[in-house]
Protein backbone atom coordinates (compact mmCIF):
# COMPACT_ATOMS: atom_id res chain seq x y z
CA UNK A 1 -112.69 -57.75 -84.86
CA UNK A 2 -111.67 -57.10 -88.48
CA UNK A 3 -114.28 -54.40 -88.96
CA UNK A 4 -113.24 -52.66 -85.68
CA UNK A 5 -109.47 -52.41 -86.32
CA UNK A 6 -110.62 -50.99 -89.82
CA UNK A 7 -112.39 -48.32 -88.17
CA UNK A 8 -109.61 -47.31 -85.34
CA UNK A 9 -107.21 -47.12 -88.78
CA UNK A 10 -109.52 -45.01 -90.15
CA UNK A 11 -109.39 -42.55 -87.55
CA UNK A 12 -105.53 -42.35 -87.32
CA UNK A 13 -105.75 -42.08 -91.43
CA UNK A 14 -108.14 -39.11 -90.83
CA UNK A 15 -105.64 -37.49 -88.18
CA UNK A 16 -102.65 -38.00 -90.85
CA UNK A 17 -104.40 -36.61 -93.83
CA UNK A 18 -105.89 -33.74 -91.72
CA UNK A 19 -109.50 -34.27 -93.08
CA UNK A 20 -112.59 -35.63 -91.64
CA UNK A 21 -113.70 -38.33 -93.64
CA UNK A 22 -116.66 -39.45 -91.60
CA UNK A 23 -116.11 -38.79 -87.73
CA UNK A 24 -119.77 -38.90 -87.24
CA UNK A 25 -119.88 -42.36 -88.85
CA UNK A 26 -117.24 -43.89 -86.33
CA UNK A 27 -118.22 -42.06 -83.10
CA UNK A 28 -121.70 -42.87 -81.41
CA UNK A 29 -123.54 -39.70 -81.13
CA UNK A 30 -122.79 -39.44 -77.20
CA UNK A 31 -119.40 -40.90 -77.28
CA UNK A 32 -116.64 -39.43 -75.03
CA UNK A 33 -113.12 -39.17 -75.76
CA UNK A 34 -110.82 -38.70 -73.53
CA UNK A 35 -107.03 -37.47 -73.99
CA UNK A 36 -104.21 -38.69 -72.27
CA UNK A 37 -103.12 -35.15 -70.81
CA UNK A 38 -106.85 -34.11 -69.74
CA UNK A 39 -109.11 -32.63 -72.24
CA UNK A 40 -112.34 -34.67 -72.79
CA UNK A 41 -114.48 -34.54 -75.56
CA UNK A 42 -118.67 -35.10 -75.52
CA UNK A 43 -120.33 -36.28 -78.54
CA UNK A 44 -119.49 -36.94 -82.07
CA UNK A 45 -120.06 -33.13 -82.65
CA UNK A 46 -117.62 -32.26 -80.16
CA UNK A 47 -115.30 -34.62 -81.33
CA UNK A 48 -115.42 -33.59 -85.04
CA UNK A 49 -115.04 -29.93 -83.76
CA UNK A 50 -111.89 -31.03 -81.70
CA UNK A 51 -110.22 -32.59 -84.88
CA UNK A 52 -111.10 -29.71 -87.49
CA UNK A 53 -109.97 -26.99 -84.92
CA UNK A 54 -106.59 -28.95 -83.97
CA UNK A 55 -105.93 -29.47 -87.76
CA UNK A 56 -106.02 -25.82 -88.29
CA UNK A 57 -102.86 -25.35 -85.96
CA UNK A 58 -101.10 -28.52 -86.00
CA UNK A 59 -100.32 -31.84 -88.05
CA UNK A 60 -100.02 -35.34 -87.36
CA UNK A 61 -96.72 -36.77 -88.82
CA UNK A 62 -97.01 -40.59 -87.76
CA UNK A 63 -99.58 -42.49 -85.97
CA UNK A 64 -98.91 -46.05 -86.25
CA UNK A 65 -100.45 -48.83 -84.88
CA UNK A 66 -98.44 -51.50 -83.58
CA UNK A 67 -100.98 -54.06 -82.32
CA UNK A 68 -104.53 -54.47 -81.28
CA UNK A 69 -106.01 -56.48 -77.82
CA UNK A 70 -109.62 -57.46 -78.31
CA UNK A 71 -111.83 -58.46 -75.60
CA UNK A 72 -115.71 -58.66 -75.47
CA UNK A 73 -116.86 -54.61 -76.43
CA UNK A 74 -113.29 -53.52 -75.77
CA UNK A 75 -110.59 -53.22 -77.98
CA UNK A 76 -106.87 -51.74 -76.82
CA UNK A 77 -104.61 -50.54 -79.22
CA UNK A 78 -100.71 -49.61 -78.82
CA UNK A 79 -99.20 -46.71 -81.04
CA UNK A 80 -96.60 -44.62 -81.72
CA UNK A 81 -97.68 -40.83 -82.48
CA UNK A 82 -95.45 -37.89 -83.50
CA UNK A 83 -97.12 -34.44 -84.18
CA UNK A 84 -96.29 -30.64 -84.80
CA UNK A 85 -97.95 -27.79 -83.62
CA UNK A 86 -97.30 -24.67 -86.16
CA UNK A 87 -94.09 -22.91 -84.50
CA UNK A 88 -93.15 -25.61 -82.18
CA UNK A 89 -90.42 -28.78 -82.69
CA UNK A 90 -92.21 -32.09 -83.32
CA UNK A 91 -93.03 -34.23 -80.26
CA UNK A 92 -93.71 -37.96 -80.29
CA UNK A 93 -94.67 -40.44 -77.85
CA UNK A 94 -95.81 -43.96 -77.49
CA UNK A 95 -99.38 -44.75 -76.28
CA UNK A 96 -102.51 -46.95 -75.83
CA UNK A 97 -106.15 -46.31 -76.54
CA UNK A 98 -108.83 -48.17 -74.61
CA UNK A 99 -111.97 -48.28 -76.91
CA UNK A 100 -115.91 -49.35 -75.78
CA UNK A 101 -117.83 -50.08 -78.58
CA UNK A 102 -121.52 -50.03 -79.04
CA UNK A 103 -123.44 -53.15 -80.56
CA UNK A 104 -123.47 -51.39 -84.14
CA UNK A 105 -119.82 -51.26 -83.81
CA UNK A 106 -119.54 -47.31 -83.67
CA UNK A 107 -116.65 -46.11 -80.73
CA UNK A 108 -118.57 -45.31 -77.32
CA UNK A 109 -115.80 -44.20 -75.45
CA UNK A 110 -112.34 -43.71 -76.34
CA UNK A 111 -109.37 -43.03 -73.29
CA UNK A 112 -105.95 -42.49 -74.06
CA UNK A 113 -102.78 -43.28 -72.25
CA UNK A 114 -99.27 -41.67 -73.36
CA UNK A 115 -95.82 -42.40 -72.48
CA UNK A 116 -93.06 -40.01 -73.30
CA UNK A 117 -90.49 -40.69 -76.08
CA UNK A 118 -87.46 -39.59 -74.50
CA UNK A 119 -86.88 -41.98 -71.05
CA UNK A 120 -84.59 -41.92 -68.57
CA UNK A 121 -83.12 -43.97 -65.61
CA UNK A 122 -83.06 -41.74 -62.85
CA UNK A 123 -80.28 -44.07 -61.24
CA UNK A 124 -77.92 -43.67 -64.34
CA UNK A 125 -76.33 -40.51 -65.27
CA UNK A 126 -76.23 -41.29 -69.21
CA UNK A 127 -79.33 -38.85 -69.70
CA UNK A 128 -82.34 -39.18 -71.76
CA UNK A 129 -82.75 -42.26 -74.26
CA UNK A 130 -85.51 -42.89 -76.59
CA UNK A 131 -88.15 -45.06 -76.39
CA UNK A 132 -88.52 -48.42 -78.41
């Protein structure tokens, strides 16, 4: 479990640094990565391409791990994410990733789920409130 947590932390750290420090060592060659709003990347080479492309126009300001859940060849990780795309206001959201592992502890698939940071109660009139 500790090794898998270090791998996930390495992936998040790469985003904060904005530099590839071994994407192809973290992901299986045929890995699939699904972002929470729909884009899907196939293969470690395409994941690397997306990472490099994104970091030419954006910057991850925070990607903090809150907790891990492990079950056999799967890990779920709860996190908080904040980024800024050039020329736009920063955006933040809370989320979780569901990760499937290969037998040699490479990421086989990673699927993100997100929740907007600003939430509201549709039955109240006070307006949006910030997440936890």
